[in-house]
Amino acid sequence: MNNSLKVLFEEFQERPIAFMPIYSKITGSVTAGLLLSQIVYWDKTKEHGEFF
């Protein structure tokens, strides 16, 4: 593996995204499930306030 690819993989592993399979089942899509997971995360983080 070349050095730039190794650095790229290391950078991506610093901040993982939680994936809850139930959200994909609810939405019928992995992409929509990931988006819903992030919306739920930020909603809790911002104590139900606005986020963007």
N, C-alpha and C. Protein backbone atom coordinates (compact mmCIF):
# COMPACT_ATOMS: atom_id res chain seq x y z
N MET A 1 0.86 -1.18 0.00
CA MET A 1 0.00 0.00 0.00
C MET A 1 0.90 1.23 0.00
N ASN A 2 0.62 2.18 -0.89
CA ASN A 2 1.47 3.36 -0.92
C ASN A 2 1.16 4.27 0.28
N ASN A 3 2.06 5.18 0.56
CA ASN A 3 1.97 6.00 1.77
C ASN A 3 0.75 6.91 1.78
N SER A 4 0.38 7.51 0.65
CA SER A 4 -0.76 8.42 0.64
C SER A 4 -2.07 7.68 0.90
N LEU A 5 -2.19 6.46 0.42
CA LEU A 5 -3.38 5.66 0.67
C LEU A 5 -3.45 5.26 2.14
N LYS A 6 -2.31 4.94 2.72
CA LYS A 6 -2.24 4.59 4.14
C LYS A 6 -2.67 5.78 4.99
N VAL A 7 -2.20 6.96 4.67
CA VAL A 7 -2.57 8.17 5.41
C VAL A 7 -4.07 8.42 5.28
N LEU A 8 -4.62 8.22 4.10
CA LEU A 8 -6.04 8.42 3.86
C LEU A 8 -6.87 7.49 4.74
N PHE A 9 -6.50 6.21 4.79
CA PHE A 9 -7.22 5.26 5.64
C PHE A 9 -7.11 5.64 7.11
N GLU A 10 -5.95 6.08 7.54
CA GLU A 10 -5.77 6.49 8.94
C GLU A 10 -6.64 7.70 9.27
N GLU A 11 -6.77 8.64 8.36
CA GLU A 11 -7.60 9.82 8.58
C GLU A 11 -9.07 9.46 8.71
N PHE A 12 -9.53 8.55 7.88
CA PHE A 12 -10.94 8.16 7.92
C PHE A 12 -11.30 7.41 9.19
N GLN A 13 -10.35 6.76 9.81
CA GLN A 13 -10.63 5.97 11.00
C GLN A 13 -10.65 6.80 12.27
N GLU A 14 -10.33 8.06 12.20
CA GLU A 14 -10.30 8.90 13.40
C GLU A 14 -11.68 9.22 13.92
N ARG A 15 -12.66 9.37 13.05
CA ARG A 15 -14.00 9.76 13.47
C ARG A 15 -15.03 8.85 12.81
N PRO A 16 -15.28 7.70 13.41
CA PRO A 16 -16.23 6.77 12.79
C PRO A 16 -17.67 7.29 12.85
N ILE A 17 -18.48 6.80 11.95
CA ILE A 17 -19.90 7.13 11.93
C ILE A 17 -20.65 5.91 12.43
N ALA A 18 -21.48 6.09 13.43
CA ALA A 18 -22.27 4.97 13.96
C ALA A 18 -23.35 4.61 12.95
N PHE A 19 -23.50 3.33 12.73
CA PHE A 19 -24.51 2.85 11.80
C PHE A 19 -25.46 1.94 12.57
N MET A 20 -26.71 2.30 12.59
CA MET A 20 -27.73 1.51 13.27
C MET A 20 -28.56 0.82 12.18
N PRO A 21 -28.43 -0.50 12.03
CA PRO A 21 -29.15 -1.21 10.97
C PRO A 21 -30.67 -0.99 10.99
N ILE A 22 -31.24 -0.75 12.15
CA ILE A 22 -32.69 -0.53 12.22
C ILE A 22 -33.12 0.68 11.38
N TYR A 23 -32.26 1.70 11.31
CA TYR A 23 -32.61 2.88 10.51
C TYR A 23 -32.69 2.54 9.03
N SER A 24 -31.84 1.64 8.56
CA SER A 24 -31.90 1.21 7.16
C SER A 24 -33.16 0.41 6.90
N LYS A 25 -33.57 -0.38 7.89
CA LYS A 25 -34.80 -1.15 7.74
C LYS A 25 -36.00 -0.22 7.72
N ILE A 26 -35.97 0.82 8.55
CA ILE A 26 -37.07 1.79 8.60
C ILE A 26 -37.19 2.53 7.27
N THR A 27 -36.05 2.97 6.73
CA THR A 27 -36.06 3.79 5.52
C THR A 27 -36.04 2.96 4.24
N GLY A 28 -35.58 1.71 4.32
CA GLY A 28 -35.48 0.88 3.13
C GLY A 28 -34.24 1.15 2.31
N SER A 29 -33.26 1.87 2.88
CA SER A 29 -32.06 2.24 2.15
C SER A 29 -30.90 2.41 3.13
N VAL A 30 -29.73 1.91 2.75
CA VAL A 30 -28.54 2.09 3.59
C VAL A 30 -28.17 3.57 3.66
N THR A 31 -28.22 4.25 2.53
CA THR A 31 -27.87 5.67 2.49
C THR A 31 -28.81 6.49 3.37
N ALA A 32 -30.09 6.26 3.23
CA ALA A 32 -31.06 6.98 4.05
C ALA A 32 -30.91 6.60 5.53
N GLY A 33 -30.57 5.34 5.80
CA GLY A 33 -30.34 4.90 7.17
C GLY A 33 -29.16 5.61 7.80
N LEU A 34 -28.09 5.79 7.03
CA LEU A 34 -26.93 6.53 7.53
C LEU A 34 -27.29 7.99 7.80
N LEU A 35 -28.04 8.59 6.90
CA LEU A 35 -28.47 9.97 7.09
C LEU A 35 -29.34 10.10 8.33
N LEU A 36 -30.29 9.20 8.49
CA LEU A 36 -31.16 9.22 9.67
C LEU A 36 -30.35 9.04 10.95
N SER A 37 -29.37 8.17 10.91
CA SER A 37 -28.50 7.95 12.05
C SER A 37 -27.78 9.24 12.44
N GLN A 38 -27.29 9.97 11.46
CA GLN A 38 -26.61 11.23 11.74
C GLN A 38 -27.58 12.29 12.26
N ILE A 39 -28.78 12.32 11.71
CA ILE A 39 -29.79 13.28 12.18
C ILE A 39 -30.13 13.00 13.64
N VAL A 40 -30.30 11.74 13.99
CA VAL A 40 -30.61 11.38 15.38
C VAL A 40 -29.44 11.76 16.29
N TYR A 41 -28.22 11.49 15.84
CA TYR A 41 -27.03 11.83 16.62
C TYR A 41 -26.96 13.34 16.88
N TRP A 42 -27.08 14.13 15.84
CA TRP A 42 -26.96 15.58 16.00
C TRP A 42 -28.14 16.16 16.76
N ASP A 43 -29.31 15.57 16.62
CA ASP A 43 -30.46 16.02 17.39
C ASP A 43 -30.20 15.85 18.88
N LYS A 44 -29.64 14.72 19.27
CA LYS A 44 -29.32 14.47 20.68
C LYS A 44 -28.18 15.38 21.14
N THR A 45 -27.17 15.55 20.28
CA THR A 45 -26.00 16.37 20.62
C THR A 45 -26.41 17.83 20.85
N LYS A 46 -27.30 18.33 20.02
CA LYS A 46 -27.72 19.73 20.11
C LYS A 46 -28.94 19.91 21.03
N GLU A 47 -29.27 18.85 21.77
CA GLU A 47 -30.40 18.88 22.71
C GLU A 47 -31.68 19.35 22.02
N HIS A 48 -31.95 18.78 20.88
CA HIS A 48 -33.15 19.01 20.10
C HIS A 48 -33.25 20.43 19.55
N GLY A 49 -32.09 21.09 19.42
CA GLY A 49 -32.05 22.43 18.82
C GLY A 49 -31.75 22.31 17.34
N GLU A 50 -31.53 23.43 16.70
CA GLU A 50 -31.23 23.43 15.27
C GLU A 50 -29.81 22.99 15.00
N PHE A 51 -29.61 22.32 13.90
CA PHE A 51 -28.28 21.94 13.44
C PHE A 51 -28.26 21.97 11.92
N PHE A 52 -27.07 22.06 11.38
CA PHE A 52 -26.94 22.07 9.91
C PHE A 52 -25.65 21.41 9.52
